[in-house]
């Protein structure tokens, strides 16, 4: 399950970084950029909080 949270967090982080670059290079409109970044932010927090908040087990 930890790998699932990592994947969701990385996808969310990507969705917050890439749209700003696409907007900068006039590939997408500002409305699309805001939508993608909002979805990316939700994905980042929904994946990163459980992933980074887990306690590590020592062997």
C-alpha atoms as a PDB file:
ATOM      1  CA  UNK A   1       0.000   0.000   0.000  1.00  0.00           C
ATOM      2  CA  UNK A   2       2.940   2.314   0.642  1.00  0.00           C
ATOM      3  CA  UNK A   3       3.932   2.129  -3.027  1.00  0.00           C
ATOM      4  CA  UNK A   4       0.422   3.199  -4.028  1.00  0.00           C
ATOM      5  CA  UNK A   5       0.736   6.349  -1.914  1.00  0.00           C
ATOM      6  CA  UNK A   6       4.128   7.108  -3.461  1.00  0.00           C
ATOM      7  CA  UNK A   7       2.726   6.823  -6.967  1.00  0.00           C
ATOM      8  CA  UNK A   8      -0.266   9.041  -6.156  1.00  0.00           C
ATOM      9  CA  UNK A   9       2.020  11.632  -4.547  1.00  0.00           C
ATOM     10  CA  UNK A  10       4.442  11.711  -7.482  1.00  0.00           C
ATOM     11  CA  UNK A  11       1.596  11.999 -10.000  1.00  0.00           C
ATOM     12  CA  UNK A  12       0.134  14.846  -7.961  1.00  0.00           C
ATOM     13  CA  UNK A  13       3.473  16.609  -7.747  1.00  0.00           C
ATOM     14  CA  UNK A  14       3.929  16.242 -11.485  1.00  0.00           C
ATOM     15  CA  UNK A  15       0.467  17.687 -12.049  1.00  0.00           C
ATOM     16  CA  UNK A  16       1.422  20.757 -10.046  1.00  0.00           C
ATOM     17  CA  UNK A  17       4.707  21.383 -11.855  1.00  0.00           C
ATOM     18  CA  UNK A  18       4.105  20.506 -15.511  1.00  0.00           C
ATOM     19  CA  UNK A  19       1.031  22.710 -16.151  1.00  0.00           C
ATOM     20  CA  UNK A  20       2.928  25.839 -15.149  1.00  0.00           C
ATOM     21  CA  UNK A  21       5.568  25.042 -17.755  1.00  0.00           C
ATOM     22  CA  UNK A  22       2.928  24.277 -20.375  1.00  0.00           C
ATOM     23  CA  UNK A  23       1.261  27.611 -19.646  1.00  0.00           C
ATOM     24  CA  UNK A  24       4.597  29.412 -19.855  1.00  0.00           C
ATOM     25  CA  UNK A  25       5.177  27.989 -23.335  1.00  0.00           C
ATOM     26  CA  UNK A  26       1.589  28.842 -24.429  1.00  0.00           C
ATOM     27  CA  UNK A  27       0.508  25.221 -24.794  1.00  0.00           C
ATOM     28  CA  UNK A  28      -2.499  25.466 -22.437  1.00  0.00           C
ATOM     29  CA  UNK A  29      -4.788  28.246 -21.218  1.00  0.00           C
ATOM     30  CA  UNK A  30      -4.760  29.635 -17.676  1.00  0.00           C
ATOM     31  CA  UNK A  31      -8.077  27.965 -16.814  1.00  0.00           C
ATOM     32  CA  UNK A  32      -6.712  24.553 -17.739  1.00  0.00           C
ATOM     33  CA  UNK A  33      -3.538  25.229 -15.786  1.00  0.00           C
ATOM     34  CA  UNK A  34      -5.502  26.131 -12.654  1.00  0.00           C
ATOM     35  CA  UNK A  35      -7.660  23.020 -12.957  1.00  0.00           C
ATOM     36  CA  UNK A  36      -4.707  20.658 -13.426  1.00  0.00           C
ATOM     37  CA  UNK A  37      -2.789  22.265 -10.581  1.00  0.00           C
ATOM     38  CA  UNK A  38      -5.799  22.063  -8.246  1.00  0.00           C
ATOM     39  CA  UNK A  39      -6.268  18.361  -9.008  1.00  0.00           C
ATOM     40  CA  UNK A  40      -2.524  17.829  -8.618  1.00  0.00           C
ATOM     41  CA  UNK A  41      -2.544  19.535  -5.222  1.00  0.00           C
ATOM     42  CA  UNK A  42      -5.361  17.301  -3.988  1.00  0.00           C
ATOM     43  CA  UNK A  43      -3.554  14.212  -5.276  1.00  0.00           C
ATOM     44  CA  UNK A  44      -0.271  15.320  -3.694  1.00  0.00           C
ATOM     45  CA  UNK A  45      -1.770  15.806  -0.257  1.00  0.00           C
ATOM     46  CA  UNK A  46      -3.895  12.653  -0.438  1.00  0.00           C
ATOM     47  CA  UNK A  47      -0.825  10.584  -1.342  1.00  0.00           C
ATOM     48  CA  UNK A  48       1.936  12.310   0.602  1.00  0.00           C
ATOM     49  CA  UNK A  49       0.264  12.556   4.003  1.00  0.00           C
ATOM     50  CA  UNK A  50      -0.284   8.789   4.455  1.00  0.00           C
ATOM     51  CA  UNK A  51       3.047   7.971   2.812  1.00  0.00           C
ATOM     52  CA  UNK A  52       5.201  10.391   4.807  1.00  0.00           C
ATOM     53  CA  UNK A  53       3.171  10.068   7.993  1.00  0.00           C
ATOM     54  CA  UNK A  54       3.776   6.336   8.405  1.00  0.00           C
ATOM     55  CA  UNK A  55       6.065   5.284  11.220  1.00  0.00           C
ATOM     56  CA  UNK A  56       9.187   3.425  10.225  1.00  0.00           C
ATOM     57  CA  UNK A  57       9.819   0.013  11.666  1.00  0.00           C
ATOM     58  CA  UNK A  58      13.304  -0.843  12.802  1.00  0.00           C
ATOM     59  CA  UNK A  59      14.625  -4.355  12.357  1.00  0.00           C
END
